[in-house]
């Protein structure tokens, strides 16, 4: 996948049903600018215009405009691609996830958290 990400101009995920797509996180970590639908947890990671581009499900016009914009402008690709990489490094790194998991386990063990954590 690293070779594919290195060769990618952008990553496009025009989904109707997704949770937190791993492939989106992976492509962002590789510095690939993303175009994704603003559903479920995706807008928690992608900030439109800063580290990627969002559109509403089924908005084919916006999808086409976003793709053409990224294909036609290297500067427009580079800035959100680098911001995407940085946001993943800051918010979704292993140490942070490990701390979050430790906190959940501690709460459950102490009886302070729900089993659905």
PDB file of N, CA and C in Angstrom:
ATOM      1  N   UNK A   1       0.814  -1.189   0.000  1.00  0.00           N
ATOM      2  CA  UNK A   1       0.000   0.000   0.000  1.00  0.00           C
ATOM      3  C   UNK A   1       0.862   1.259   0.000  1.00  0.00           C
ATOM      4  N   UNK A   2       2.023   1.204   0.627  1.00  0.00           N
ATOM      5  CA  UNK A   2       2.877   2.393   0.696  1.00  0.00           C
ATOM      6  C   UNK A   2       3.222   2.888  -0.710  1.00  0.00           C
ATOM      7  N   UNK A   3       3.490   1.965  -1.624  1.00  0.00           N
ATOM      8  CA  UNK A   3       3.802   2.357  -3.006  1.00  0.00           C
ATOM      9  C   UNK A   3       2.596   3.011  -3.674  1.00  0.00           C
ATOM     10  N   UNK A   4       1.417   2.462  -3.440  1.00  0.00           N
ATOM     11  CA  UNK A   4       0.196   3.031  -4.024  1.00  0.00           C
ATOM     12  C   UNK A   4      -0.056   4.432  -3.480  1.00  0.00           C
ATOM     13  N   UNK A   5       0.112   4.613  -2.178  1.00  0.00           N
ATOM     14  CA  UNK A   5      -0.082   5.943  -1.586  1.00  0.00           C
ATOM     15  C   UNK A   5       0.947   6.933  -2.117  1.00  0.00           C
ATOM     16  N   UNK A   6       2.181   6.474  -2.282  1.00  0.00           N
ATOM     17  CA  UNK A   6       3.241   7.357  -2.776  1.00  0.00           C
ATOM     18  C   UNK A   6       2.963   7.834  -4.200  1.00  0.00           C
ATOM     19  N   UNK A   7       2.261   7.025  -4.970  1.00  0.00           N
ATOM     20  CA  UNK A   7       1.955   7.371  -6.362  1.00  0.00           C
ATOM     21  C   UNK A   7       0.599   8.070  -6.522  1.00  0.00           C
ATOM     22  N   UNK A   8      -0.193   8.114  -5.442  1.00  0.00           N
ATOM     23  CA  UNK A   8      -1.554   8.650  -5.532  1.00  0.00           C
ATOM     24  C   UNK A   8      -1.559  10.174  -5.569  1.00  0.00           C
ATOM     25  N   UNK A   9      -2.429  10.713  -6.402  1.00  0.00           N
ATOM     26  CA  UNK A   9      -2.648  12.154  -6.449  1.00  0.00           C
ATOM     27  C   UNK A   9      -3.616  12.558  -5.354  1.00  0.00           C
ATOM     28  N   UNK A  10      -4.630  11.718  -5.133  1.00  0.00           N
ATOM     29  CA  UNK A  10      -5.581  11.950  -4.052  1.00  0.00           C
ATOM     30  C   UNK A  10      -6.276  10.630  -3.731  1.00  0.00           C
ATOM     31  N   UNK A  11      -6.958  10.616  -2.608  1.00  0.00           N
ATOM     32  CA  UNK A  11      -7.747   9.456  -2.195  1.00  0.00           C
ATOM     33  C   UNK A  11      -9.196   9.902  -2.146  1.00  0.00           C
ATOM     34  N   UNK A  12     -10.090   9.129  -2.764  1.00  0.00           N
ATOM     35  CA  UNK A  12     -11.494   9.494  -2.855  1.00  0.00           C
ATOM     36  C   UNK A  12     -12.346   8.393  -2.223  1.00  0.00           C
ATOM     37  N   UNK A  13     -13.207   8.795  -1.287  1.00  0.00           N
ATOM     38  CA  UNK A  13     -14.112   7.850  -0.632  1.00  0.00           C
ATOM     39  C   UNK A  13     -15.523   8.448  -0.586  1.00  0.00           C
ATOM     40  N   UNK A  14     -16.280   8.282  -1.688  1.00  0.00           N
ATOM     41  CA  UNK A  14     -17.642   8.814  -1.734  1.00  0.00           C
ATOM     42  C   UNK A  14     -18.650   7.799  -1.172  1.00  0.00           C
ATOM     43  N   UNK A  15     -18.557   7.550   0.125  1.00  0.00           N
ATOM     44  CA  UNK A  15     -19.351   6.496   0.755  1.00  0.00           C
ATOM     45  C   UNK A  15     -20.689   7.023   1.280  1.00  0.00           C
ATOM     46  N   UNK A  16     -21.610   6.102   1.450  1.00  0.00           N
ATOM     47  CA  UNK A  16     -22.885   6.410   2.090  1.00  0.00           C
ATOM     48  C   UNK A  16     -22.910   5.871   3.520  1.00  0.00           C
ATOM     49  N   UNK A  17     -22.155   4.800   3.768  1.00  0.00           N
ATOM     50  CA  UNK A  17     -22.125   4.164   5.085  1.00  0.00           C
ATOM     51  C   UNK A  17     -20.688   3.794   5.421  1.00  0.00           C
ATOM     52  N   UNK A  18     -20.117   4.484   6.372  1.00  0.00           N
ATOM     53  CA  UNK A  18     -18.767   4.197   6.856  1.00  0.00           C
ATOM     54  C   UNK A  18     -18.708   4.590   8.323  1.00  0.00           C
ATOM     55  N   UNK A  19     -17.845   3.965   9.063  1.00  0.00           N
ATOM     56  CA  UNK A  19     -17.606   4.367  10.439  1.00  0.00           C
ATOM     57  C   UNK A  19     -16.387   5.269  10.455  1.00  0.00           C
ATOM     58  N   UNK A  20     -15.255   4.683  10.769  1.00  0.00           N
ATOM     59  CA  UNK A  20     -13.962   5.362  10.729  1.00  0.00           C
ATOM     60  C   UNK A  20     -13.092   4.540   9.782  1.00  0.00           C
ATOM     61  N   UNK A  21     -13.068   4.876   8.507  1.00  0.00           N
ATOM     62  CA  UNK A  21     -12.362   4.054   7.517  1.00  0.00           C
ATOM     63  C   UNK A  21     -10.843   4.034   7.730  1.00  0.00           C
ATOM     64  N   UNK A  22     -10.311   2.851   7.950  1.00  0.00           N
ATOM     65  CA  UNK A  22      -8.867   2.705   8.133  1.00  0.00           C
ATOM     66  C   UNK A  22      -8.098   3.165   6.905  1.00  0.00           C
ATOM     67  N   UNK A  23      -8.604   2.878   5.729  1.00  0.00           N
ATOM     68  CA  UNK A  23      -7.907   3.262   4.505  1.00  0.00           C
ATOM     69  C   UNK A  23      -7.803   4.788   4.409  1.00  0.00           C
ATOM     70  N   UNK A  24      -8.793   5.509   4.912  1.00  0.00           N
ATOM     71  CA  UNK A  24      -8.730   6.965   4.938  1.00  0.00           C
ATOM     72  C   UNK A  24      -7.607   7.410   5.874  1.00  0.00           C
ATOM     73  N   UNK A  25      -7.547   6.825   7.066  1.00  0.00           N
ATOM     74  CA  UNK A  25      -6.495   7.177   8.029  1.00  0.00           C
ATOM     75  C   UNK A  25      -5.115   6.842   7.472  1.00  0.00           C
ATOM     76  N   UNK A  26      -4.993   5.688   6.824  1.00  0.00           N
ATOM     77  CA  UNK A  26      -3.712   5.284   6.239  1.00  0.00           C
ATOM     78  C   UNK A  26      -3.274   6.257   5.144  1.00  0.00           C
ATOM     79  N   UNK A  27      -4.197   6.614   4.264  1.00  0.00           N
ATOM     80  CA  UNK A  27      -3.833   7.519   3.176  1.00  0.00           C
ATOM     81  C   UNK A  27      -3.472   8.896   3.715  1.00  0.00           C
ATOM     82  N   UNK A  28      -4.182   9.344   4.746  1.00  0.00           N
ATOM     83  CA  UNK A  28      -3.842  10.627   5.368  1.00  0.00           C
ATOM     84  C   UNK A  28      -2.450  10.571   5.992  1.00  0.00           C
ATOM     85  N   UNK A  29      -2.150   9.463   6.682  1.00  0.00           N
ATOM     86  CA  UNK A  29      -0.836   9.295   7.300  1.00  0.00           C
ATOM     87  C   UNK A  29       0.271   9.317   6.254  1.00  0.00           C
ATOM     88  N   UNK A  30      -0.054   8.890   5.034  1.00  0.00           N
ATOM     89  CA  UNK A  30       0.916   8.900   3.935  1.00  0.00           C
ATOM     90  C   UNK A  30       0.996  10.262   3.248  1.00  0.00           C
ATOM     91  N   UNK A  31       0.176  11.220   3.702  1.00  0.00           N
ATOM     92  CA  UNK A  31       0.220  12.562   3.137  1.00  0.00           C
ATOM     93  C   UNK A  31      -0.585  12.729   1.860  1.00  0.00           C
ATOM     94  N   UNK A  32      -1.512  11.807   1.621  1.00  0.00           N
ATOM     95  CA  UNK A  32      -2.351  11.879   0.427  1.00  0.00           C
ATOM     96  C   UNK A  32      -3.588  12.719   0.759  1.00  0.00           C
ATOM     97  N   UNK A  33      -3.889  13.742  -0.039  1.00  0.00           N
ATOM     98  CA  UNK A  33      -5.096  14.526   0.229  1.00  0.00           C
ATOM     99  C   UNK A  33      -6.347  13.682  -0.002  1.00  0.00           C
ATOM    100  N   UNK A  34      -7.321  13.824   0.885  1.00  0.00           N
ATOM    101  CA  UNK A  34      -8.541  13.024   0.850  1.00  0.00           C
ATOM    102  C   UNK A  34      -9.744  13.838   0.420  1.00  0.00           C
ATOM    103  N   UNK A  35     -10.633  13.177  -0.300  1.00  0.00           N
ATOM    104  CA  UNK A  35     -11.954  13.699  -0.630  1.00  0.00           C
ATOM    105  C   UNK A  35     -12.931  12.634  -0.138  1.00  0.00           C
ATOM    106  N   UNK A  36     -13.715  12.966   0.872  1.00  0.00           N
ATOM    107  CA  UNK A  36     -14.610  11.982   1.479  1.00  0.00           C
ATOM    108  C   UNK A  36     -15.975  12.595   1.758  1.00  0.00           C
ATOM    109  N   UNK A  37     -16.955  11.731   1.889  1.00  0.00           N
ATOM    110  CA  UNK A  37     -18.276  12.212   2.261  1.00  0.00           C
ATOM    111  C   UNK A  37     -18.305  12.516   3.757  1.00  0.00           C
ATOM    112  N   UNK A  38     -19.083  13.521   4.119  1.00  0.00           N
ATOM    113  CA  UNK A  38     -19.182  13.983   5.508  1.00  0.00           C
ATOM    114  C   UNK A  38     -20.224  13.144   6.245  1.00  0.00           C
ATOM    115  N   UNK A  39     -19.847  11.899   6.562  1.00  0.00           N
ATOM    116  CA  UNK A  39     -20.759  10.992   7.261  1.00  0.00           C
ATOM    117  C   UNK A  39     -20.065  10.402   8.478  1.00  0.00           C
ATOM    118  N   UNK A  40     -20.859  10.052   9.463  1.00  0.00           N
ATOM    119  CA  UNK A  40     -20.410   9.380  10.681  1.00  0.00           C
ATOM    120  C   UNK A  40     -19.148  10.012  11.259  1.00  0.00           C
ATOM    121  N   UNK A  41     -18.074   9.259  11.441  1.00  0.00           N
ATOM    122  CA  UNK A  41     -16.881   9.773  12.115  1.00  0.00           C
ATOM    123  C   UNK A  41     -15.906  10.499  11.187  1.00  0.00           C
ATOM    124  N   UNK A  42     -16.150  10.485   9.894  1.00  0.00           N
ATOM    125  CA  UNK A  42     -15.210  11.102   8.952  1.00  0.00           C
ATOM    126  C   UNK A  42     -14.967  12.588   9.245  1.00  0.00           C
ATOM    127  N   UNK A  43     -16.017  13.397   9.507  1.00  0.00           N
ATOM    128  CA  UNK A  43     -15.770  14.819   9.807  1.00  0.00           C
ATOM    129  C   UNK A  43     -15.046  15.061  11.135  1.00  0.00           C
ATOM    130  N   UNK A  44     -14.929  14.038  11.979  1.00  0.00           N
ATOM    131  CA  UNK A  44     -14.141  14.166  13.204  1.00  0.00           C
ATOM    132  C   UNK A  44     -12.644  14.174  12.878  1.00  0.00           C
ATOM    133  N   UNK A  45     -12.289  13.661  11.715  1.00  0.00           N
ATOM    134  CA  UNK A  45     -10.885  13.563  11.307  1.00  0.00           C
ATOM    135  C   UNK A  45     -10.561  14.576  10.216  1.00  0.00           C
ATOM    136  N   UNK A  46     -11.417  14.678   9.223  1.00  0.00           N
ATOM    137  CA  UNK A  46     -11.168  15.596   8.109  1.00  0.00           C
ATOM    138  C   UNK A  46     -11.860  16.924   8.371  1.00  0.00           C
ATOM    139  N   UNK A  47     -11.065  17.977   8.372  1.00  0.00           N
ATOM    140  CA  UNK A  47     -11.584  19.339   8.480  1.00  0.00           C
ATOM    141  C   UNK A  47     -11.551  19.925   7.073  1.00  0.00           C
ATOM    142  N   UNK A  48     -12.734  20.155   6.518  1.00  0.00           N
ATOM    143  CA  UNK A  48     -12.852  20.597   5.136  1.00  0.00           C
ATOM    144  C   UNK A  48     -11.984  21.823   4.847  1.00  0.00           C
ATOM    145  N   UNK A  49     -11.154  21.679   3.829  1.00  0.00           N
ATOM    146  CA  UNK A  49     -10.303  22.777   3.400  1.00  0.00           C
ATOM    147  C   UNK A  49      -8.979  22.857   4.136  1.00  0.00           C
ATOM    148  N   UNK A  50      -8.841  22.167   5.274  1.00  0.00           N
ATOM    149  CA  UNK A  50      -7.579  22.198   6.007  1.00  0.00           C
ATOM    150  C   UNK A  50      -6.764  20.937   5.754  1.00  0.00           C
ATOM    151  N   UNK A  51      -7.332  19.771   6.045  1.00  0.00           N
ATOM    152  CA  UNK A  51      -6.583  18.523   5.859  1.00  0.00           C
ATOM    153  C   UNK A  51      -7.304  17.550   4.930  1.00  0.00           C
ATOM    154  N   UNK A  52      -8.223  18.065   4.151  1.00  0.00           N
ATOM    155  CA  UNK A  52      -8.957  17.262   3.188  1.00  0.00           C
ATOM    156  C   UNK A  52     -10.182  18.017   2.718  1.00  0.00           C
ATOM    157  N   UNK A  53     -10.977  17.354   1.900  1.00  0.00           N
ATOM    158  CA  UNK A  53     -12.194  17.962   1.379  1.00  0.00           C
ATOM    159  C   UNK A  53     -13.372  17.044   1.668  1.00  0.00           C
ATOM    160  N   UNK A  54     -14.480  17.643   2.086  1.00  0.00           N
ATOM    161  CA  UNK A  54     -15.684  16.891   2.400  1.00  0.00           C
ATOM    162  C   UNK A  54     -16.806  17.266   1.455  1.00  0.00           C
ATOM    163  N   UNK A  55     -17.720  16.338   1.262  1.00  0.00           N
ATOM    164  CA  UNK A  55     -18.910  16.608   0.477  1.00  0.00           C
ATOM    165  C   UNK A  55     -20.052  15.794   1.056  1.00  0.00           C
ATOM    166  N   UNK A  56     -21.257  16.177   0.708  1.00  0.00           N
ATOM    167  CA  UNK A  56     -22.435  15.453   1.172  1.00  0.00           C
ATOM    168  C   UNK A  56     -22.622  14.190   0.332  1.00  0.00           C
ATOM    169  N   UNK A  57     -23.149  13.126   0.943  1.00  0.00           N
ATOM    170  CA  UNK A  57     -23.389  11.895   0.182  1.00  0.00           C
ATOM    171  C   UNK A  57     -24.262  12.164  -1.044  1.00  0.00           C
ATOM    172  N   UNK A  58     -23.861  11.637  -2.169  1.00  0.00           N
ATOM    173  CA  UNK A  58     -24.626  11.773  -3.399  1.00  0.00           C
ATOM    174  C   UNK A  58     -24.383  13.053  -4.177  1.00  0.00           C
ATOM    175  N   UNK A  59     -23.560  13.948  -3.671  1.00  0.00           N
ATOM    176  CA  UNK A  59     -23.294  15.218  -4.361  1.00  0.00           C
ATOM    177  C   UNK A  59     -22.212  15.002  -5.418  1.00  0.00           C
ATOM    178  N   UNK A  60     -22.641  14.526  -6.562  1.00  0.00           N
ATOM    179  CA  UNK A  60     -21.712  14.195  -7.637  1.00  0.00           C
ATOM    180  C   UNK A  60     -21.028  15.425  -8.212  1.00  0.00           C
ATOM    181  N   UNK A  61     -21.719  16.556  -8.224  1.00  0.00           N
ATOM    182  CA  UNK A  61     -21.108  17.785  -8.737  1.00  0.00           C
ATOM    183  C   UNK A  61     -19.928  18.198  -7.871  1.00  0.00           C
ATOM    184  N   UNK A  62     -20.120  18.201  -6.551  1.00  0.00           N
ATOM    185  CA  UNK A  62     -19.032  18.559  -5.636  1.00  0.00           C
ATOM    186  C   UNK A  62     -17.890  17.555  -5.743  1.00  0.00           C
ATOM    187  N   UNK A  63     -18.222  16.281  -5.877  1.00  0.00           N
ATOM    188  CA  UNK A  63     -17.188  15.256  -6.016  1.00  0.00           C
ATOM    189  C   UNK A  63     -16.319  15.544  -7.233  1.00  0.00           C
ATOM    190  N   UNK A  64     -16.951  15.796  -8.364  1.00  0.00           N
ATOM    191  CA  UNK A  64     -16.204  16.105  -9.581  1.00  0.00           C
ATOM    192  C   UNK A  64     -15.375  17.370  -9.444  1.00  0.00           C
ATOM    193  N   UNK A  65     -15.943  18.405  -8.833  1.00  0.00           N
ATOM    194  CA  UNK A  65     -15.209  19.663  -8.641  1.00  0.00           C
ATOM    195  C   UNK A  65     -13.989  19.466  -7.757  1.00  0.00           C
ATOM    196  N   UNK A  66     -14.162  18.720  -6.670  1.00  0.00           N
ATOM    197  CA  UNK A  66     -13.033  18.475  -5.759  1.00  0.00           C
ATOM    198  C   UNK A  66     -11.921  17.682  -6.443  1.00  0.00           C
ATOM    199  N   UNK A  67     -12.301  16.652  -7.182  1.00  0.00           N
ATOM    200  CA  UNK A  67     -11.295  15.836  -7.879  1.00  0.00           C
ATOM    201  C   UNK A  67     -10.545  16.686  -8.897  1.00  0.00           C
ATOM    202  N   UNK A  68     -11.262  17.435  -9.712  1.00  0.00           N
ATOM    203  CA  UNK A  68     -10.615  18.277 -10.722  1.00  0.00           C
ATOM    204  C   UNK A  68      -9.728  19.340 -10.084  1.00  0.00           C
ATOM    205  N   UNK A  69     -10.165  19.893  -8.967  1.00  0.00           N
ATOM    206  CA  UNK A  69      -9.362  20.910  -8.278  1.00  0.00           C
ATOM    207  C   UNK A  69      -8.025  20.323  -7.817  1.00  0.00           C
ATOM    208  N   UNK A  70      -8.066  19.131  -7.221  1.00  0.00           N
ATOM    209  CA  UNK A  70      -6.821  18.514  -6.753  1.00  0.00           C
ATOM    210  C   UNK A  70      -5.937  18.064  -7.907  1.00  0.00           C
ATOM    211  N   UNK A  71      -6.540  17.527  -8.946  1.00  0.00           N
ATOM    212  CA  UNK A  71      -5.749  17.076 -10.095  1.00  0.00           C
ATOM    213  C   UNK A  71      -5.063  18.244 -10.796  1.00  0.00           C
ATOM    214  N   UNK A  72      -5.717  19.397 -10.797  1.00  0.00           N
ATOM    215  CA  UNK A  72      -5.206  20.533 -11.553  1.00  0.00           C
ATOM    216  C   UNK A  72      -4.317  21.486 -10.795  1.00  0.00           C
ATOM    217  N   UNK A  73      -4.087  21.242  -9.498  1.00  0.00           N
ATOM    218  CA  UNK A  73      -3.337  22.213  -8.714  1.00  0.00           C
ATOM    219  C   UNK A  73      -2.476  21.511  -7.664  1.00  0.00           C
ATOM    220  N   UNK A  74      -1.191  21.403  -7.938  1.00  0.00           N
ATOM    221  CA  UNK A  74      -0.273  20.720  -7.016  1.00  0.00           C
ATOM    222  C   UNK A  74      -0.228  21.397  -5.655  1.00  0.00           C
ATOM    223  N   UNK A  75      -0.285  22.720  -5.621  1.00  0.00           N
ATOM    224  CA  UNK A  75      -0.250  23.445  -4.335  1.00  0.00           C
ATOM    225  C   UNK A  75      -1.480  23.101  -3.506  1.00  0.00           C
ATOM    226  N   UNK A  76      -2.614  22.959  -4.158  1.00  0.00           N
ATOM    227  CA  UNK A  76      -3.850  22.614  -3.463  1.00  0.00           C
ATOM    228  C   UNK A  76      -3.791  21.188  -2.912  1.00  0.00           C
ATOM    229  N   UNK A  77      -3.009  20.320  -3.546  1.00  0.00           N
ATOM    230  CA  UNK A  77      -2.820  18.953  -3.053  1.00  0.00           C
ATOM    231  C   UNK A  77      -1.822  18.899  -1.912  1.00  0.00           C
ATOM    232  N   UNK A  78      -0.735  19.641  -2.036  1.00  0.00           N
ATOM    233  CA  UNK A  78       0.354  19.543  -1.069  1.00  0.00           C
ATOM    234  C   UNK A  78      -0.041  20.016   0.327  1.00  0.00           C
ATOM    235  N   UNK A  79      -0.722  21.144   0.411  1.00  0.00           N
ATOM    236  CA  UNK A  79      -1.058  21.701   1.724  1.00  0.00           C
ATOM    237  C   UNK A  79      -1.989  20.789   2.527  1.00  0.00           C
ATOM    238  N   UNK A  80      -3.131  20.351   1.963  1.00  0.00           N
ATOM    239  CA  UNK A  80      -3.975  19.448   2.754  1.00  0.00           C
ATOM    240  C   UNK A  80      -3.333  18.080   2.976  1.00  0.00           C
ATOM    241  N   UNK A  81      -2.491  17.640   2.054  1.00  0.00           N
ATOM    242  CA  UNK A  81      -1.796  16.363   2.243  1.00  0.00           C
ATOM    243  C   UNK A  81      -0.871  16.414   3.439  1.00  0.00           C
ATOM    244  N   UNK A  82      -0.120  17.492   3.566  1.00  0.00           N
ATOM    245  CA  UNK A  82       0.783  17.646   4.714  1.00  0.00           C
ATOM    246  C   UNK A  82      -0.009  17.847   6.006  1.00  0.00           C
ATOM    247  N   UNK A  83      -1.090  18.619   5.933  1.00  0.00           N
ATOM    248  CA  UNK A  83      -1.947  18.813   7.113  1.00  0.00           C
ATOM    249  C   UNK A  83      -2.582  17.488   7.534  1.00  0.00           C
ATOM    250  N   UNK A  84      -2.948  16.652   6.563  1.00  0.00           N
ATOM    251  CA  UNK A  84      -3.517  15.342   6.868  1.00  0.00           C
ATOM    252  C   UNK A  84      -2.503  14.478   7.612  1.00  0.00           C
ATOM    253  N   UNK A  85      -1.285  14.459   7.116  1.00  0.00           N
ATOM    254  CA  UNK A  85      -0.224  13.677   7.769  1.00  0.00           C
ATOM    255  C   UNK A  85      -0.016  14.169   9.205  1.00  0.00           C
ATOM    256  N   UNK A  86       0.053  15.463   9.382  1.00  0.00           N
ATOM    257  CA  UNK A  86       0.262  16.038  10.710  1.00  0.00           C
ATOM    258  C   UNK A  86      -0.884  15.714  11.658  1.00  0.00           C
ATOM    259  N   UNK A  87      -2.119  15.816  11.166  1.00  0.00           N
ATOM    260  CA  UNK A  87      -3.259  15.551  12.047  1.00  0.00           C
ATOM    261  C   UNK A  87      -3.294  14.088  12.489  1.00  0.00           C
ATOM    262  N   UNK A  88      -2.918  13.180  11.607  1.00  0.00           N
ATOM    263  CA  UNK A  88      -2.870  11.769  11.993  1.00  0.00           C
ATOM    264  C   UNK A  88      -1.757  11.539  13.003  1.00  0.00           C
ATOM    265  N   UNK A  89      -0.601  12.134  12.780  1.00  0.00           N
ATOM    266  CA  UNK A  89       0.512  11.985  13.719  1.00  0.00           C
ATOM    267  C   UNK A  89       0.145  12.527  15.094  1.00  0.00           C
ATOM    268  N   UNK A  90      -0.589  13.627  15.137  1.00  0.00           N
ATOM    269  CA  UNK A  90      -0.958  14.248  16.416  1.00  0.00           C
ATOM    270  C   UNK A  90      -2.095  13.513  17.120  1.00  0.00           C
ATOM    271  N   UNK A  91      -3.150  13.181  16.390  1.00  0.00           N
ATOM    272  CA  UNK A  91      -4.372  12.686  17.016  1.00  0.00           C
ATOM    273  C   UNK A  91      -4.519  11.175  17.016  1.00  0.00           C
ATOM    274  N   UNK A  92      -3.876  10.482  16.116  1.00  0.00           N
ATOM    275  CA  UNK A  92      -4.118   9.044  15.969  1.00  0.00           C
ATOM    276  C   UNK A  92      -2.838   8.226  16.054  1.00  0.00           C
ATOM    277  N   UNK A  93      -1.860   8.728  16.786  1.00  0.00           N
ATOM    278  CA  UNK A  93      -0.620   7.973  16.908  1.00  0.00           C
ATOM    279  C   UNK A  93      -0.783   6.850  17.939  1.00  0.00           C
ATOM    280  N   UNK A  94       0.142   5.929  17.920  1.00  0.00           N
ATOM    281  CA  UNK A  94       0.056   4.743  18.771  1.00  0.00           C
ATOM    282  C   UNK A  94       0.024   5.106  20.247  1.00  0.00           C
ATOM    283  N   UNK A  95       0.881   6.013  20.682  1.00  0.00           N
ATOM    284  CA  UNK A  95       0.939   6.376  22.102  1.00  0.00           C
ATOM    285  C   UNK A  95      -0.390   6.965  22.576  1.00  0.00           C
ATOM    286  N   UNK A  96      -0.982   7.806  21.764  1.00  0.00           N
ATOM    287  CA  UNK A  96      -2.268   8.406  22.133  1.00  0.00           C
ATOM    288  C   UNK A  96      -3.365   7.341  22.208  1.00  0.00           C
ATOM    289  N   UNK A  97      -3.407   6.440  21.235  1.00  0.00           N
ATOM    290  CA  UNK A  97      -4.406   5.382  21.234  1.00  0.00           C
ATOM    291  C   UNK A  97      -4.194   4.442  22.423  1.00  0.00           C
ATOM    292  N   UNK A  98      -2.947   4.176  22.755  1.00  0.00           N
ATOM    293  CA  UNK A  98      -2.634   3.315  23.882  1.00  0.00           C
ATOM    294  C   UNK A  98      -3.122   3.954  25.181  1.00  0.00           C
ATOM    295  N   UNK A  99      -2.913   5.258  25.336  1.00  0.00           N
ATOM    296  CA  UNK A  99      -3.386   5.970  26.522  1.00  0.00           C
ATOM    297  C   UNK A  99      -4.903   5.947  26.628  1.00  0.00           C
ATOM    298  N   UNK A 100      -5.571   6.144  25.489  1.00  0.00           N
ATOM    299  CA  UNK A 100      -7.030   6.112  25.450  1.00  0.00           C
ATOM    300  C   UNK A 100      -7.546   4.732  25.853  1.00  0.00           C
ATOM    301  N   UNK A 101      -6.935   3.682  25.335  1.00  0.00           N
ATOM    302  CA  UNK A 101      -7.339   2.327  25.672  1.00  0.00           C
ATOM    303  C   UNK A 101      -7.071   2.026  27.148  1.00  0.00           C
ATOM    304  N   UNK A 102      -5.936   2.478  27.660  1.00  0.00           N
ATOM    305  CA  UNK A 102      -5.608   2.281  29.074  1.00  0.00           C
ATOM    306  C   UNK A 102      -6.663   2.945  29.961  1.00  0.00           C
ATOM    307  N   UNK A 103      -7.077   4.144  29.599  1.00  0.00           N
ATOM    308  CA  UNK A 103      -8.090   4.865  30.372  1.00  0.00           C
ATOM    309  C   UNK A 103      -9.419   4.107  30.385  1.00  0.00           C
ATOM    310  N   UNK A 104      -9.822   3.595  29.244  1.00  0.00           N
ATOM    311  CA  UNK A 104     -11.075   2.828  29.168  1.00  0.00           C
ATOM    312  C   UNK A 104     -10.984   1.575  30.031  1.00  0.00           C
ATOM    313  N   UNK A 105      -9.880   0.854  29.927  1.00  0.00           N
ATOM    314  CA  UNK A 105      -9.717  -0.381  30.711  1.00  0.00           C
ATOM    315  C   UNK A 105      -9.726  -0.084  32.207  1.00  0.00           C
ATOM    316  N   UNK A 106      -9.084   1.001  32.605  1.00  0.00           N
ATOM    317  CA  UNK A 106      -9.057   1.390  34.015  1.00  0.00           C
ATOM    318  C   UNK A 106     -10.457   1.729  34.507  1.00  0.00           C
ATOM    319  N   UNK A 107     -11.208   2.468  33.713  1.00  0.00           N
ATOM    320  CA  UNK A 107     -12.573   2.828  34.106  1.00  0.00           C
ATOM    321  C   UNK A 107     -13.444   1.584  34.257  1.00  0.00           C
ATOM    322  N   UNK A 108     -13.329   0.672  33.314  1.00  0.00           N
ATOM    323  CA  UNK A 108     -14.123  -0.549  33.371  1.00  0.00           C
ATOM    324  C   UNK A 108     -13.711  -1.375  34.582  1.00  0.00           C
ATOM    325  N   UNK A 109     -12.419  -1.510  34.824  1.00  0.00           N
ATOM    326  CA  UNK A 109     -11.929  -2.292  35.957  1.00  0.00           C
ATOM    327  C   UNK A 109     -12.366  -1.684  37.289  1.00  0.00           C
ATOM    328  N   UNK A 110     -12.452  -0.357  37.351  1.00  0.00           N
ATOM    329  CA  UNK A 110     -12.871   0.331  38.576  1.00  0.00           C
ATOM    330  C   UNK A 110     -14.384   0.418  38.700  1.00  0.00           C
ATOM    331  N   UNK A 111     -15.110  -0.070  37.689  1.00  0.00           N
ATOM    332  CA  UNK A 111     -16.560  -0.006  37.715  1.00  0.00           C
ATOM    333  C   UNK A 111     -17.133   1.348  37.374  1.00  0.00           C
ATOM    334  N   UNK A 112     -16.315   2.265  36.809  1.00  0.00           N
ATOM    335  CA  UNK A 112     -16.776   3.612  36.466  1.00  0.00           C
ATOM    336  C   UNK A 112     -17.238   3.726  35.038  1.00  0.00           C
ATOM    337  N   UNK A 113     -16.903   2.767  34.220  1.00  0.00           N
ATOM    338  CA  UNK A 113     -17.265   2.852  32.807  1.00  0.00           C
ATOM    339  C   UNK A 113     -18.302   1.815  32.444  1.00  0.00           C
ATOM    340  N   UNK A 114     -18.961   2.050  31.374  1.00  0.00           N
ATOM    341  CA  UNK A 114     -19.941   1.061  30.908  1.00  0.00           C
ATOM    342  C   UNK A 114     -19.207  -0.040  30.148  1.00  0.00           C
ATOM    343  N   UNK A 115     -19.854  -1.141  29.972  1.00  0.00           N
ATOM    344  CA  UNK A 115     -19.271  -2.248  29.218  1.00  0.00           C
ATOM    345  C   UNK A 115     -19.177  -1.908  27.729  1.00  0.00           C
ATOM    346  N   UNK A 116     -19.903  -0.895  27.307  1.00  0.00           N
ATOM    347  CA  UNK A 116     -19.906  -0.509  25.894  1.00  0.00           C
ATOM    348  C   UNK A 116     -18.762   0.407  25.546  1.00  0.00           C
ATOM    349  N   UNK A 117     -17.876   0.706  26.461  1.00  0.00           N
ATOM    350  CA  UNK A 117     -16.756   1.609  26.196  1.00  0.00           C
ATOM    351  C   UNK A 117     -15.981   1.090  25.024  1.00  0.00           C
TER     352      UNK A 117
END
